[in-house]
Amino acid sequence: MLTFTRRGGRVGPHMRQVLTEVVPRYSLPAEPWDFAGAFPGLSEVVLEVGSGSGEATLAMAQAEPAIAIVAVEVHERGLGSLVRSVDEAGLRNVKVFSGDALVALRRYVPPATLAGIRVWFPDPWPKTRHHKRRLVRPDNVALMASRIRPGGTLHVATDVAQYADVIAEVLANAPDLAPDIVRGPRPPWRPKTKYEHAGLEAGRPAQDFVYRRI
């Protein structure tokens, strides 16, 4: 069951060139991932679920050059924008994967290998009949926890109060996770996204949750 909504829209010739010529150089394959080979010299790997247009990914990659980031996104224009910026900045600590993050976690991420997973502002699926599509559910959180090594973190952020209540309950009952931050304000290391700025202007402050794998 999909936890995201695909968006359409036209892709211009410049972005099409980025998608066909540049993105493949930064893409991880649809097979079990060898992080040591993908990121020589980097031992800390963080997976970002739903990187969007990539502004937060880029900021974190620049701020933490010793940490490798795998950005997973289903929308090709978002990946294209991120990869274009990464390529222009000459960064070597970012790889991308185009597809469903849950599929990537099940099939391609070896157990207990990630230093962290970031799930920032996932689709809240506000209608009751769609709640089963929400990403933060017990089974999905168990999968994410299994891919994080002991001491690594799961960092979730949302600006939807009802979803924050659900996230709080699900994470509090995850047997392999212990809380570091619960319903906190944005920690200084997390960049603000365009989506978050819009939420703040609309009176929706973000709530952050950071849980550590035990």
C-alpha atoms as a PDB file:
ATOM      1  CA  MET A   1       0.000   0.000   0.000  1.00  0.00           C
ATOM      2  CA  LEU A   2       1.423   3.351  -1.056  1.00  0.00           C
ATOM      3  CA  THR A   3       2.171   5.878   1.683  1.00  0.00           C
ATOM      4  CA  PHE A   4       2.615   8.718  -0.823  1.00  0.00           C
ATOM      5  CA  THR A   5       0.805  10.373  -3.713  1.00  0.00           C
ATOM      6  CA  ARG A   6       2.579  10.632  -7.021  1.00  0.00           C
ATOM      7  CA  ARG A   7       2.528  14.061  -8.626  1.00  0.00           C
ATOM      8  CA  GLY A   8       2.604  14.658 -12.324  1.00  0.00           C
ATOM      9  CA  GLY A   9       3.583  17.750 -14.231  1.00  0.00           C
ATOM     10  CA  ARG A  10       5.758  18.576 -17.179  1.00  0.00           C
ATOM     11  CA  VAL A  11       9.517  18.326 -17.072  1.00  0.00           C
ATOM     12  CA  GLY A  12      11.431  20.918 -19.114  1.00  0.00           C
ATOM     13  CA  PRO A  13      14.341  20.064 -21.410  1.00  0.00           C
ATOM     14  CA  HIS A  14      17.041  21.141 -18.936  1.00  0.00           C
ATOM     15  CA  MET A  15      15.579  19.050 -16.131  1.00  0.00           C
ATOM     16  CA  ARG A  16      15.113  16.136 -18.529  1.00  0.00           C
ATOM     17  CA  GLN A  17      18.815  16.346 -19.316  1.00  0.00           C
ATOM     18  CA  VAL A  18      19.622  16.311 -15.593  1.00  0.00           C
ATOM     19  CA  LEU A  19      17.380  13.272 -15.087  1.00  0.00           C
ATOM     20  CA  THR A  20      18.880  11.311 -17.953  1.00  0.00           C
ATOM     21  CA  GLU A  21      22.548  12.299 -17.643  1.00  0.00           C
ATOM     22  CA  VAL A  22      23.284  13.398 -14.068  1.00  0.00           C
ATOM     23  CA  VAL A  23      20.868  11.525 -11.798  1.00  0.00           C
ATOM     24  CA  PRO A  24      22.137   8.064 -12.878  1.00  0.00           C
ATOM     25  CA  ARG A  25      25.634   8.978 -11.630  1.00  0.00           C
ATOM     26  CA  TYR A  26      24.256   9.536  -8.133  1.00  0.00           C
ATOM     27  CA  SER A  27      21.695   6.731  -8.065  1.00  0.00           C
ATOM     28  CA  LEU A  28      21.918   3.550  -6.023  1.00  0.00           C
ATOM     29  CA  PRO A  29      20.879   0.364  -7.836  1.00  0.00           C
ATOM     30  CA  ALA A  30      17.753  -1.708  -7.270  1.00  0.00           C
ATOM     31  CA  GLU A  31      19.749  -4.390  -5.440  1.00  0.00           C
ATOM     32  CA  PRO A  32      21.202  -4.750  -1.912  1.00  0.00           C
ATOM     33  CA  TRP A  33      23.230  -1.634  -1.205  1.00  0.00           C
ATOM     34  CA  ASP A  34      26.943  -1.715  -0.470  1.00  0.00           C
ATOM     35  CA  PHE A  35      27.427   1.447   1.551  1.00  0.00           C
ATOM     36  CA  ALA A  36      31.200   1.008   1.833  1.00  0.00           C
ATOM     37  CA  GLY A  37      31.463   0.917  -1.947  1.00  0.00           C
ATOM     38  CA  ALA A  38      28.981   3.739  -2.501  1.00  0.00           C
ATOM     39  CA  PHE A  39      30.590   6.047   0.062  1.00  0.00           C
ATOM     40  CA  PRO A  40      34.337   5.314   0.315  1.00  0.00           C
ATOM     41  CA  GLY A  41      35.758   6.559   3.591  1.00  0.00           C
ATOM     42  CA  LEU A  42      32.372   7.352   5.150  1.00  0.00           C
ATOM     43  CA  SER A  43      31.022   5.017   7.817  1.00  0.00           C
ATOM     44  CA  GLU A  44      27.919   6.962   8.926  1.00  0.00           C
ATOM     45  CA  VAL A  45      24.982   6.566   6.542  1.00  0.00           C
ATOM     46  CA  VAL A  46      21.615   8.279   7.022  1.00  0.00           C
ATOM     47  CA  LEU A  47      18.549   7.534   4.917  1.00  0.00           C
ATOM     48  CA  GLU A  48      16.119  10.358   4.221  1.00  0.00           C
ATOM     49  CA  VAL A  49      12.569   9.252   3.441  1.00  0.00           C
ATOM     50  CA  GLY A  50      10.919  11.667   1.031  1.00  0.00           C
ATOM     51  CA  SER A  51      13.574  14.277   0.322  1.00  0.00           C
ATOM     52  CA  GLY A  52      11.202  16.451  -1.732  1.00  0.00           C
ATOM     53  CA  SER A  53      13.053  19.114  -3.708  1.00  0.00           C
ATOM     54  CA  GLY A  54      16.129  18.436  -1.600  1.00  0.00           C
ATOM     55  CA  GLU A  55      16.829  21.766   0.086  1.00  0.00           C
ATOM     56  CA  ALA A  56      17.073  20.163   3.549  1.00  0.00           C
ATOM     57  CA  THR A  57      19.146  17.283   2.167  1.00  0.00           C
ATOM     58  CA  LEU A  58      21.587  19.670   0.556  1.00  0.00           C
ATOM     59  CA  ALA A  59      21.914  21.772   3.712  1.00  0.00           C
ATOM     60  CA  MET A  60      22.578  18.706   5.863  1.00  0.00           C
ATOM     61  CA  ALA A  61      25.088  17.279   3.377  1.00  0.00           C
ATOM     62  CA  GLN A  62      27.018  20.539   3.355  1.00  0.00           C
ATOM     63  CA  ALA A  63      26.892  20.867   7.145  1.00  0.00           C
ATOM     64  CA  GLU A  64      27.951  17.246   7.749  1.00  0.00           C
ATOM     65  CA  PRO A  65      30.420  16.220   5.007  1.00  0.00           C
ATOM     66  CA  ALA A  66      31.546  13.162   7.020  1.00  0.00           C
ATOM     67  CA  ILE A  67      28.013  11.722   7.011  1.00  0.00           C
ATOM     68  CA  ALA A  68      26.639   9.986   3.922  1.00  0.00           C
ATOM     69  CA  ILE A  69      23.031  10.625   2.944  1.00  0.00           C
ATOM     70  CA  VAL A  70      20.777   8.411   0.854  1.00  0.00           C
ATOM     71  CA  ALA A  71      17.811  10.493  -0.315  1.00  0.00           C
ATOM     72  CA  VAL A  72      14.789   8.413  -1.314  1.00  0.00           C
ATOM     73  CA  GLU A  73      12.097  10.205  -3.299  1.00  0.00           C
ATOM     74  CA  VAL A  74       9.346   9.133  -5.704  1.00  0.00           C
ATOM     75  CA  HIS A  75       9.035  12.420  -7.591  1.00  0.00           C
ATOM     76  CA  GLU A  76      11.601  12.728 -10.342  1.00  0.00           C
ATOM     77  CA  ARG A  77      11.687  16.524 -10.452  1.00  0.00           C
ATOM     78  CA  GLY A  78      12.540  16.626  -6.752  1.00  0.00           C
ATOM     79  CA  LEU A  79      15.406  14.187  -7.234  1.00  0.00           C
ATOM     80  CA  GLY A  80      16.550  16.112 -10.275  1.00  0.00           C
ATOM     81  CA  SER A  81      16.661  19.387  -8.350  1.00  0.00           C
ATOM     82  CA  LEU A  82      18.604  17.784  -5.509  1.00  0.00           C
ATOM     83  CA  VAL A  83      21.121  16.036  -7.748  1.00  0.00           C
ATOM     84  CA  ARG A  84      21.683  19.165  -9.818  1.00  0.00           C
ATOM     85  CA  SER A  85      22.516  21.113  -6.640  1.00  0.00           C
ATOM     86  CA  VAL A  86      24.699  18.307  -5.269  1.00  0.00           C
ATOM     87  CA  ASP A  87      26.603  18.085  -8.548  1.00  0.00           C
ATOM     88  CA  GLU A  88      27.114  21.844  -8.756  1.00  0.00           C
ATOM     89  CA  ALA A  89      28.389  21.887  -5.156  1.00  0.00           C
ATOM     90  CA  GLY A  90      30.769  19.008  -5.828  1.00  0.00           C
ATOM     91  CA  LEU A  91      29.444  16.956  -2.905  1.00  0.00           C
ATOM     92  CA  ARG A  92      30.410  13.299  -2.624  1.00  0.00           C
ATOM     93  CA  ASN A  93      28.341  12.302   0.378  1.00  0.00           C
ATOM     94  CA  VAL A  94      24.913  12.109  -1.299  1.00  0.00           C
ATOM     95  CA  LYS A  95      23.305   9.280  -3.244  1.00  0.00           C
ATOM     96  CA  VAL A  96      19.684   9.002  -4.335  1.00  0.00           C
ATOM     97  CA  PHE A  97      17.114   6.331  -5.018  1.00  0.00           C
ATOM     98  CA  SER A  98      13.947   6.866  -7.033  1.00  0.00           C
ATOM     99  CA  GLY A  99      11.172   4.771  -5.549  1.00  0.00           C
ATOM    100  CA  ASP A 100       9.240   3.705  -2.484  1.00  0.00           C
ATOM    101  CA  ALA A 101      11.267   4.038   0.722  1.00  0.00           C
ATOM    102  CA  LEU A 102       9.541   1.040   2.300  1.00  0.00           C
ATOM    103  CA  VAL A 103      10.532  -1.122  -0.656  1.00  0.00           C
ATOM    104  CA  ALA A 104      14.100   0.170  -0.406  1.00  0.00           C
ATOM    105  CA  LEU A 105      14.221  -0.587   3.315  1.00  0.00           C
ATOM    106  CA  ARG A 106      12.876  -4.122   2.846  1.00  0.00           C
ATOM    107  CA  ARG A 107      14.930  -5.118  -0.179  1.00  0.00           C
ATOM    108  CA  TYR A 108      18.085  -3.027  -0.371  1.00  0.00           C
ATOM    109  CA  VAL A 109      19.125  -1.776   3.091  1.00  0.00           C
ATOM    110  CA  PRO A 110      20.971  -4.444   5.116  1.00  0.00           C
ATOM    111  CA  PRO A 111      19.798  -4.822   8.726  1.00  0.00           C
ATOM    112  CA  ALA A 112      21.427  -2.669  11.409  1.00  0.00           C
ATOM    113  CA  THR A 113      23.541  -0.613   8.985  1.00  0.00           C
ATOM    114  CA  LEU A 114      22.093   2.902   9.118  1.00  0.00           C
ATOM    115  CA  ALA A 115      23.224   5.605  11.531  1.00  0.00           C
ATOM    116  CA  GLY A 116      19.814   7.179  11.185  1.00  0.00           C
ATOM    117  CA  ILE A 117      16.559   7.558   9.286  1.00  0.00           C
ATOM    118  CA  ARG A 118      14.937  10.960   8.716  1.00  0.00           C
ATOM    119  CA  VAL A 119      11.214  11.202   8.070  1.00  0.00           C
ATOM    120  CA  TRP A 120      10.485  14.903   7.845  1.00  0.00           C
ATOM    121  CA  PHE A 121       6.905  16.001   7.149  1.00  0.00           C
ATOM    122  CA  PRO A 122       5.464  12.785   5.704  1.00  0.00           C
ATOM    123  CA  ASP A 123       2.051  12.897   4.068  1.00  0.00           C
ATOM    124  CA  PRO A 124      -0.469  13.055   6.961  1.00  0.00           C
ATOM    125  CA  TRP A 125      -3.281  11.416   4.938  1.00  0.00           C
ATOM    126  CA  PRO A 126      -5.886  13.426   6.915  1.00  0.00           C
ATOM    127  CA  LYS A 127      -9.023  11.568   5.788  1.00  0.00           C
ATOM    128  CA  THR A 128      -9.979   8.727   8.117  1.00  0.00           C
ATOM    129  CA  ARG A 129     -10.303   6.211   5.288  1.00  0.00           C
ATOM    130  CA  HIS A 130      -6.692   6.937   4.316  1.00  0.00           C
ATOM    131  CA  HIS A 131      -5.108   6.624   7.760  1.00  0.00           C
ATOM    132  CA  LYS A 132      -3.891   3.123   6.874  1.00  0.00           C
ATOM    133  CA  ARG A 133      -1.612   4.741   4.289  1.00  0.00           C
ATOM    134  CA  ARG A 134       0.323   6.757   6.867  1.00  0.00           C
ATOM    135  CA  LEU A 135       4.022   6.009   6.934  1.00  0.00           C
ATOM    136  CA  VAL A 136       4.379   6.090  10.724  1.00  0.00           C
ATOM    137  CA  ARG A 137       2.607   2.875  11.706  1.00  0.00           C
ATOM    138  CA  PRO A 138       3.828   0.102  14.019  1.00  0.00           C
ATOM    139  CA  ASP A 139       4.839  -2.269  11.210  1.00  0.00           C
ATOM    140  CA  ASN A 140       6.684   0.416   9.255  1.00  0.00           C
ATOM    141  CA  VAL A 141       8.446   1.729  12.357  1.00  0.00           C
ATOM    142  CA  ALA A 142       9.536  -1.831  13.215  1.00  0.00           C
ATOM    143  CA  LEU A 143      11.021  -2.134   9.719  1.00  0.00           C
ATOM    144  CA  MET A 144      12.848   1.186  10.067  1.00  0.00           C
ATOM    145  CA  ALA A 145      14.174   0.274  13.517  1.00  0.00           C
ATOM    146  CA  SER A 146      15.521  -3.019  12.175  1.00  0.00           C
ATOM    147  CA  ARG A 147      17.651  -1.158   9.628  1.00  0.00           C
ATOM    148  CA  ILE A 148      19.155   1.246  12.199  1.00  0.00           C
ATOM    149  CA  ARG A 149      22.210   0.091  14.086  1.00  0.00           C
ATOM    150  CA  PRO A 150      22.238   0.263  17.897  1.00  0.00           C
ATOM    151  CA  GLY A 151      22.709   3.874  18.956  1.00  0.00           C
ATOM    152  CA  GLY A 152      21.361   5.199  15.662  1.00  0.00           C
ATOM    153  CA  THR A 153      18.290   7.420  15.495  1.00  0.00           C
ATOM    154  CA  LEU A 154      14.882   7.705  13.894  1.00  0.00           C
ATOM    155  CA  HIS A 155      13.951  11.383  13.493  1.00  0.00           C
ATOM    156  CA  VAL A 156      10.345  12.197  12.592  1.00  0.00           C
ATOM    157  CA  ALA A 157       8.867  15.680  12.197  1.00  0.00           C
ATOM    158  CA  THR A 158       5.334  16.816  11.414  1.00  0.00           C
ATOM    159  CA  ASP A 159       3.316  20.011  11.652  1.00  0.00           C
ATOM    160  CA  VAL A 160      -0.048  18.216  11.716  1.00  0.00           C
ATOM    161  CA  ALA A 161      -1.234  18.005  15.329  1.00  0.00           C
ATOM    162  CA  GLN A 162      -3.430  14.939  14.829  1.00  0.00           C
ATOM    163  CA  TYR A 163      -0.617  13.063  13.116  1.00  0.00           C
ATOM    164  CA  ALA A 164       1.765  14.092  15.908  1.00  0.00           C
ATOM    165  CA  ASP A 165      -0.548  12.366  18.387  1.00  0.00           C
ATOM    166  CA  VAL A 166      -0.373   9.175  16.325  1.00  0.00           C
ATOM    167  CA  ILE A 167       3.402   9.414  15.948  1.00  0.00           C
ATOM    168  CA  ALA A 168       3.810   9.889  19.699  1.00  0.00           C
ATOM    169  CA  GLU A 169       1.790   6.770  20.436  1.00  0.00           C
ATOM    170  CA  VAL A 170       3.452   4.592  17.800  1.00  0.00           C
ATOM    171  CA  LEU A 171       7.004   5.539  18.789  1.00  0.00           C
ATOM    172  CA  ALA A 172       6.295   5.237  22.513  1.00  0.00           C
ATOM    173  CA  ASN A 173       5.252   1.627  21.910  1.00  0.00           C
ATOM    174  CA  ALA A 174       8.155   0.665  19.633  1.00  0.00           C
ATOM    175  CA  PRO A 175      10.101  -1.936  21.658  1.00  0.00           C
ATOM    176  CA  ASP A 176      13.477  -1.285  19.996  1.00  0.00           C
ATOM    177  CA  LEU A 177      13.443   2.507  20.367  1.00  0.00           C
ATOM    178  CA  ALA A 178      14.049   4.851  23.314  1.00  0.00           C
ATOM    179  CA  PRO A 179      13.171   8.576  23.292  1.00  0.00           C
ATOM    180  CA  ASP A 180      15.686  11.407  23.015  1.00  0.00           C
ATOM    181  CA  ILE A 181      13.224  14.133  21.932  1.00  0.00           C
ATOM    182  CA  VAL A 182       9.428  13.896  22.181  1.00  0.00           C
ATOM    183  CA  ARG A 183       7.255  16.619  20.670  1.00  0.00           C
ATOM    184  CA  GLY A 184      10.181  19.010  20.760  1.00  0.00           C
ATOM    185  CA  PRO A 185      10.611  22.196  18.757  1.00  0.00           C
ATOM    186  CA  ARG A 186      12.868  21.987  15.734  1.00  0.00           C
ATOM    187  CA  PRO A 187      16.371  21.027  16.916  1.00  0.00           C
ATOM    188  CA  PRO A 188      19.106  23.355  15.624  1.00  0.00           C
ATOM    189  CA  TRP A 189      20.633  20.737  13.354  1.00  0.00           C
ATOM    190  CA  ARG A 190      17.451  20.238  11.295  1.00  0.00           C
ATOM    191  CA  PRO A 191      17.102  22.791   8.480  1.00  0.00           C
ATOM    192  CA  LYS A 192      13.764  24.439   7.857  1.00  0.00           C
ATOM    193  CA  THR A 193      12.114  23.342   4.641  1.00  0.00           C
ATOM    194  CA  LYS A 194       9.893  25.410   2.336  1.00  0.00           C
ATOM    195  CA  TYR A 195       6.994  23.270   3.480  1.00  0.00           C
ATOM    196  CA  GLU A 196       7.772  24.029   7.111  1.00  0.00           C
ATOM    197  CA  HIS A 197       7.950  27.776   6.465  1.00  0.00           C
ATOM    198  CA  ALA A 198       4.494  27.619   4.877  1.00  0.00           C
ATOM    199  CA  GLY A 199       3.183  25.676   7.861  1.00  0.00           C
ATOM    200  CA  LEU A 200       4.559  28.203  10.335  1.00  0.00           C
ATOM    201  CA  GLU A 201       2.917  31.043   8.428  1.00  0.00           C
ATOM    202  CA  ALA A 202      -0.353  29.104   8.616  1.00  0.00           C
ATOM    203  CA  GLY A 203       0.010  28.621  12.371  1.00  0.00           C
ATOM    204  CA  ARG A 204       1.203  25.005  12.296  1.00  0.00           C
ATOM    205  CA  PRO A 205       4.428  24.669  14.318  1.00  0.00           C
ATOM    206  CA  ALA A 206       6.433  21.522  13.797  1.00  0.00           C
ATOM    207  CA  GLN A 207       6.813  18.808  16.398  1.00  0.00           C
ATOM    208  CA  ASP A 208       9.994  16.729  16.342  1.00  0.00           C
ATOM    209  CA  PHE A 209      10.519  13.202  17.622  1.00  0.00           C
ATOM    210  CA  VAL A 210      13.971  11.619  17.919  1.00  0.00           C
ATOM    211  CA  TYR A 211      14.147   8.015  19.093  1.00  0.00           C
ATOM    212  CA  ARG A 212      17.320   5.974  19.494  1.00  0.00           C
ATOM    213  CA  ARG A 213      17.744   2.304  18.591  1.00  0.00           C
ATOM    214  CA  ILE A 214      18.493   0.255  21.698  1.00  0.00           C
END
